[in-house]
């Protein structure tokens, strides 16, 4: 039987489901990278994947940690393409 979710609680509905584990470590020292991505939501993840695939060293930071901000609070609609590809904006 499906679980009934309260959609008016102010808590993102996706937070009740198990999310993928993303390995993180606290930034406690200076690091060097080609690119810094601020934000570890879906947009930051897609940019990091594309940029590392192209051979760049990438550091991602987010004050809340991965998958905790607006990505978790969305309707889970990911568009195939926006006006400009995110990799072109980076």
N, C-alpha and C. Protein backbone atom coordinates (compact mmCIF):
# COMPACT_ATOMS: atom_id res chain seq x y z
N UNK A 1 0.84 -1.18 0.00
CA UNK A 1 0.00 0.00 0.00
C UNK A 1 0.89 1.24 0.00
N UNK A 2 0.65 2.19 -0.91
CA UNK A 2 1.48 3.39 -0.98
C UNK A 2 1.37 4.22 0.29
N UNK A 3 2.46 4.82 0.64
CA UNK A 3 2.51 5.68 1.81
C UNK A 3 1.87 7.03 1.47
N UNK A 4 1.10 7.59 2.38
CA UNK A 4 0.51 8.91 2.16
C UNK A 4 1.50 9.95 2.67
N UNK A 5 1.85 10.89 1.79
CA UNK A 5 2.81 11.92 2.15
C UNK A 5 2.11 13.26 2.35
N UNK A 6 2.52 13.99 3.38
CA UNK A 6 1.99 15.32 3.62
C UNK A 6 2.79 16.31 2.78
N UNK A 7 2.17 16.85 1.75
CA UNK A 7 2.86 17.75 0.83
C UNK A 7 2.85 19.20 1.31
N UNK A 8 2.29 19.46 2.48
CA UNK A 8 2.22 20.83 2.99
C UNK A 8 3.06 21.03 4.24
N UNK A 9 3.97 20.14 4.52
CA UNK A 9 4.74 20.21 5.76
C UNK A 9 5.89 21.20 5.71
N UNK A 10 6.31 21.60 4.51
CA UNK A 10 7.48 22.45 4.38
C UNK A 10 8.76 21.65 4.22
N UNK A 11 8.66 20.34 4.35
CA UNK A 11 9.81 19.45 4.15
C UNK A 11 9.75 18.89 2.73
N UNK A 12 10.86 18.94 1.98
CA UNK A 12 10.82 18.41 0.62
C UNK A 12 10.35 16.96 0.59
N UNK A 13 9.44 16.65 -0.31
CA UNK A 13 8.86 15.31 -0.38
C UNK A 13 9.93 14.26 -0.68
N UNK A 14 10.96 14.61 -1.43
CA UNK A 14 11.99 13.64 -1.81
C UNK A 14 12.88 13.25 -0.63
N UNK A 15 12.88 14.05 0.44
CA UNK A 15 13.76 13.74 1.56
C UNK A 15 13.32 12.50 2.33
N UNK A 16 12.10 12.01 2.12
CA UNK A 16 11.67 10.80 2.81
C UNK A 16 12.17 9.54 2.11
N UNK A 17 12.67 9.68 0.89
CA UNK A 17 13.19 8.53 0.15
C UNK A 17 14.70 8.46 0.30
N UNK A 18 15.23 7.27 0.18
CA UNK A 18 16.68 7.09 0.27
C UNK A 18 17.33 7.72 -0.95
N UNK A 19 18.27 8.62 -0.72
CA UNK A 19 18.96 9.26 -1.83
C UNK A 19 20.33 8.61 -2.02
N UNK A 20 20.91 8.77 -3.20
CA UNK A 20 22.21 8.17 -3.43
C UNK A 20 23.26 8.77 -2.50
N UNK A 21 24.20 7.96 -2.13
CA UNK A 21 25.28 8.42 -1.26
C UNK A 21 26.33 9.13 -2.11
N UNK A 22 26.69 10.31 -1.68
CA UNK A 22 27.71 11.09 -2.38
C UNK A 22 28.89 11.24 -1.43
N UNK A 23 30.06 10.72 -1.82
CA UNK A 23 31.21 10.84 -0.92
C UNK A 23 31.66 12.30 -0.79
N UNK A 24 31.79 12.76 0.42
CA UNK A 24 32.23 14.14 0.67
C UNK A 24 33.28 14.15 1.77
N UNK A 25 34.07 15.19 1.78
CA UNK A 25 34.98 15.41 2.90
C UNK A 25 35.00 16.90 3.19
N UNK A 26 35.16 17.23 4.44
CA UNK A 26 35.20 18.62 4.85
C UNK A 26 36.46 19.29 4.31
N UNK A 27 36.31 20.53 3.89
CA UNK A 27 37.45 21.30 3.39
C UNK A 27 38.19 21.88 4.59
N UNK A 28 39.30 21.25 4.95
CA UNK A 28 40.06 21.66 6.13
C UNK A 28 41.46 22.17 5.78
N UNK A 29 41.76 22.21 4.50
CA UNK A 29 43.08 22.67 4.05
C UNK A 29 42.92 23.32 2.69
N UNK A 30 43.96 24.00 2.26
CA UNK A 30 43.94 24.58 0.92
C UNK A 30 44.01 23.47 -0.12
N UNK A 31 43.25 23.61 -1.17
CA UNK A 31 43.28 22.66 -2.28
C UNK A 31 43.45 23.43 -3.57
N UNK A 32 43.98 22.75 -4.56
CA UNK A 32 44.19 23.37 -5.87
C UNK A 32 43.37 22.59 -6.89
N UNK A 33 42.67 23.32 -7.74
CA UNK A 33 41.85 22.70 -8.79
C UNK A 33 41.76 23.66 -9.96
N UNK A 34 41.41 23.11 -11.11
CA UNK A 34 41.18 23.95 -12.28
C UNK A 34 39.89 24.75 -12.13
N UNK A 35 38.88 24.12 -11.55
CA UNK A 35 37.54 24.71 -11.52
C UNK A 35 36.90 24.48 -10.15
N UNK A 36 36.24 25.52 -9.65
CA UNK A 36 35.46 25.44 -8.42
C UNK A 36 33.99 25.58 -8.80
N UNK A 37 33.18 24.63 -8.37
CA UNK A 37 31.74 24.69 -8.59
C UNK A 37 31.08 24.94 -7.24
N UNK A 38 30.30 26.01 -7.17
CA UNK A 38 29.58 26.34 -5.94
C UNK A 38 28.15 25.84 -6.10
N UNK A 39 27.81 24.86 -5.30
CA UNK A 39 26.48 24.24 -5.36
C UNK A 39 26.60 22.79 -5.78
N UNK A 40 26.04 21.90 -4.96
CA UNK A 40 26.13 20.46 -5.22
C UNK A 40 24.77 19.86 -5.51
N UNK A 41 23.96 20.61 -6.23
CA UNK A 41 22.68 20.09 -6.69
C UNK A 41 22.84 19.44 -8.06
N UNK A 42 21.74 19.28 -8.76
CA UNK A 42 21.78 18.59 -10.05
C UNK A 42 22.60 19.36 -11.07
N UNK A 43 22.51 20.70 -11.09
CA UNK A 43 23.28 21.49 -12.05
C UNK A 43 24.77 21.39 -11.77
N UNK A 44 25.16 21.50 -10.51
CA UNK A 44 26.57 21.37 -10.15
C UNK A 44 27.10 19.98 -10.46
N UNK A 45 26.29 18.96 -10.22
CA UNK A 45 26.71 17.58 -10.50
C UNK A 45 26.92 17.36 -12.00
N UNK A 46 26.01 17.90 -12.81
CA UNK A 46 26.16 17.72 -14.26
C UNK A 46 27.38 18.47 -14.79
N UNK A 47 27.63 19.67 -14.26
CA UNK A 47 28.82 20.41 -14.69
C UNK A 47 30.08 19.69 -14.25
N UNK A 48 30.12 19.19 -13.01
CA UNK A 48 31.30 18.49 -12.52
C UNK A 48 31.59 17.25 -13.35
N UNK A 49 30.56 16.51 -13.70
CA UNK A 49 30.76 15.31 -14.50
C UNK A 49 31.34 15.65 -15.87
N UNK A 50 30.75 16.65 -16.53
CA UNK A 50 31.23 17.03 -17.86
C UNK A 50 32.65 17.57 -17.82
N UNK A 51 32.95 18.38 -16.83
CA UNK A 51 34.28 18.99 -16.75
C UNK A 51 35.36 17.99 -16.37
N UNK A 52 35.06 17.06 -15.46
CA UNK A 52 36.05 16.02 -15.13
C UNK A 52 36.24 15.07 -16.30
N UNK A 53 35.18 14.80 -17.02
CA UNK A 53 35.29 13.95 -18.21
C UNK A 53 36.23 14.59 -19.24
N UNK A 54 36.23 15.93 -19.29
CA UNK A 54 37.10 16.65 -20.22
C UNK A 54 38.51 16.85 -19.67
N UNK A 55 38.80 16.28 -18.50
CA UNK A 55 40.16 16.30 -17.98
C UNK A 55 40.48 17.39 -16.97
N UNK A 56 39.49 18.16 -16.55
CA UNK A 56 39.72 19.22 -15.57
C UNK A 56 39.65 18.65 -14.15
N UNK A 57 40.44 19.23 -13.26
CA UNK A 57 40.28 18.88 -11.84
C UNK A 57 39.23 19.83 -11.27
N UNK A 58 38.28 19.27 -10.54
CA UNK A 58 37.11 20.03 -10.10
C UNK A 58 36.92 19.85 -8.60
N UNK A 59 36.62 20.95 -7.92
CA UNK A 59 36.22 20.92 -6.52
C UNK A 59 34.82 21.50 -6.45
N UNK A 60 33.93 20.80 -5.73
CA UNK A 60 32.55 21.26 -5.55
C UNK A 60 32.34 21.59 -4.08
N UNK A 61 31.73 22.73 -3.81
CA UNK A 61 31.42 23.10 -2.43
C UNK A 61 29.94 23.48 -2.33
N UNK A 62 29.39 23.26 -1.15
CA UNK A 62 28.00 23.64 -0.88
C UNK A 62 27.86 23.75 0.63
N UNK A 63 27.28 24.82 1.11
CA UNK A 63 27.17 25.01 2.56
C UNK A 63 26.30 23.96 3.22
N UNK A 64 25.36 23.36 2.47
CA UNK A 64 24.46 22.36 3.04
C UNK A 64 24.91 20.93 2.79
N UNK A 65 25.80 20.72 1.85
CA UNK A 65 26.15 19.37 1.43
C UNK A 65 25.39 19.00 0.17
N UNK A 66 25.70 17.85 -0.41
CA UNK A 66 25.07 17.47 -1.67
C UNK A 66 23.60 17.10 -1.50
N UNK A 67 22.82 17.45 -2.49
CA UNK A 67 21.40 17.06 -2.60
C UNK A 67 20.54 17.58 -1.46
N UNK A 68 20.90 18.71 -0.88
CA UNK A 68 20.14 19.22 0.27
C UNK A 68 19.39 20.52 -0.01
N UNK A 69 19.70 21.21 -1.08
CA UNK A 69 19.10 22.52 -1.34
C UNK A 69 17.88 22.45 -2.22
N UNK A 70 17.84 23.34 -3.21
CA UNK A 70 16.65 23.44 -4.06
C UNK A 70 16.43 22.20 -4.91
N UNK A 71 17.48 21.44 -5.21
CA UNK A 71 17.30 20.20 -5.98
C UNK A 71 16.36 19.26 -5.24
N UNK A 72 16.50 19.16 -3.94
CA UNK A 72 15.63 18.27 -3.16
C UNK A 72 14.22 18.82 -3.03
N UNK A 73 14.04 20.12 -3.26
CA UNK A 73 12.73 20.73 -3.08
C UNK A 73 11.97 20.91 -4.39
N UNK A 74 12.48 20.35 -5.48
CA UNK A 74 11.84 20.54 -6.78
C UNK A 74 10.77 19.49 -7.03
N UNK A 75 10.15 19.60 -8.19
CA UNK A 75 9.18 18.60 -8.62
C UNK A 75 9.85 17.46 -9.38
N UNK A 76 11.18 17.43 -9.37
CA UNK A 76 11.99 16.39 -10.02
C UNK A 76 11.88 16.42 -11.53
N UNK A 77 11.65 17.59 -12.09
CA UNK A 77 11.61 17.74 -13.54
C UNK A 77 12.98 18.24 -13.99
N UNK A 78 13.68 17.44 -14.75
CA UNK A 78 14.96 17.84 -15.31
C UNK A 78 14.76 18.00 -16.81
N UNK A 79 14.98 19.21 -17.30
CA UNK A 79 14.81 19.45 -18.73
C UNK A 79 16.00 18.89 -19.49
N UNK A 80 15.74 18.44 -20.71
CA UNK A 80 16.80 17.90 -21.54
C UNK A 80 17.83 18.96 -21.85
N UNK A 81 17.40 20.15 -22.16
CA UNK A 81 18.31 21.22 -22.55
C UNK A 81 17.68 22.56 -22.22
N UNK A 82 18.49 23.47 -21.71
CA UNK A 82 18.03 24.83 -21.53
C UNK A 82 18.58 25.66 -22.69
N UNK A 83 18.41 26.96 -22.64
CA UNK A 83 18.87 27.80 -23.75
C UNK A 83 20.35 27.59 -24.05
N UNK A 84 21.16 27.58 -23.02
CA UNK A 84 22.60 27.36 -23.18
C UNK A 84 22.98 26.10 -22.40
N UNK A 85 23.75 25.20 -23.00
CA UNK A 85 24.21 24.04 -22.22
C UNK A 85 25.02 24.51 -21.01
N UNK A 86 24.85 23.84 -19.89
CA UNK A 86 25.55 24.24 -18.66
C UNK A 86 27.06 24.23 -18.84
N UNK A 87 27.57 23.31 -19.65
CA UNK A 87 29.02 23.27 -19.85
C UNK A 87 29.50 24.49 -20.61
N UNK A 88 28.66 25.08 -21.43
CA UNK A 88 29.04 26.30 -22.14
C UNK A 88 29.01 27.49 -21.19
N UNK A 89 28.12 27.48 -20.22
CA UNK A 89 28.04 28.56 -19.25
C UNK A 89 29.21 28.54 -18.28
N UNK A 90 29.84 27.39 -18.10
CA UNK A 90 30.90 27.28 -17.09
C UNK A 90 32.19 27.91 -17.50
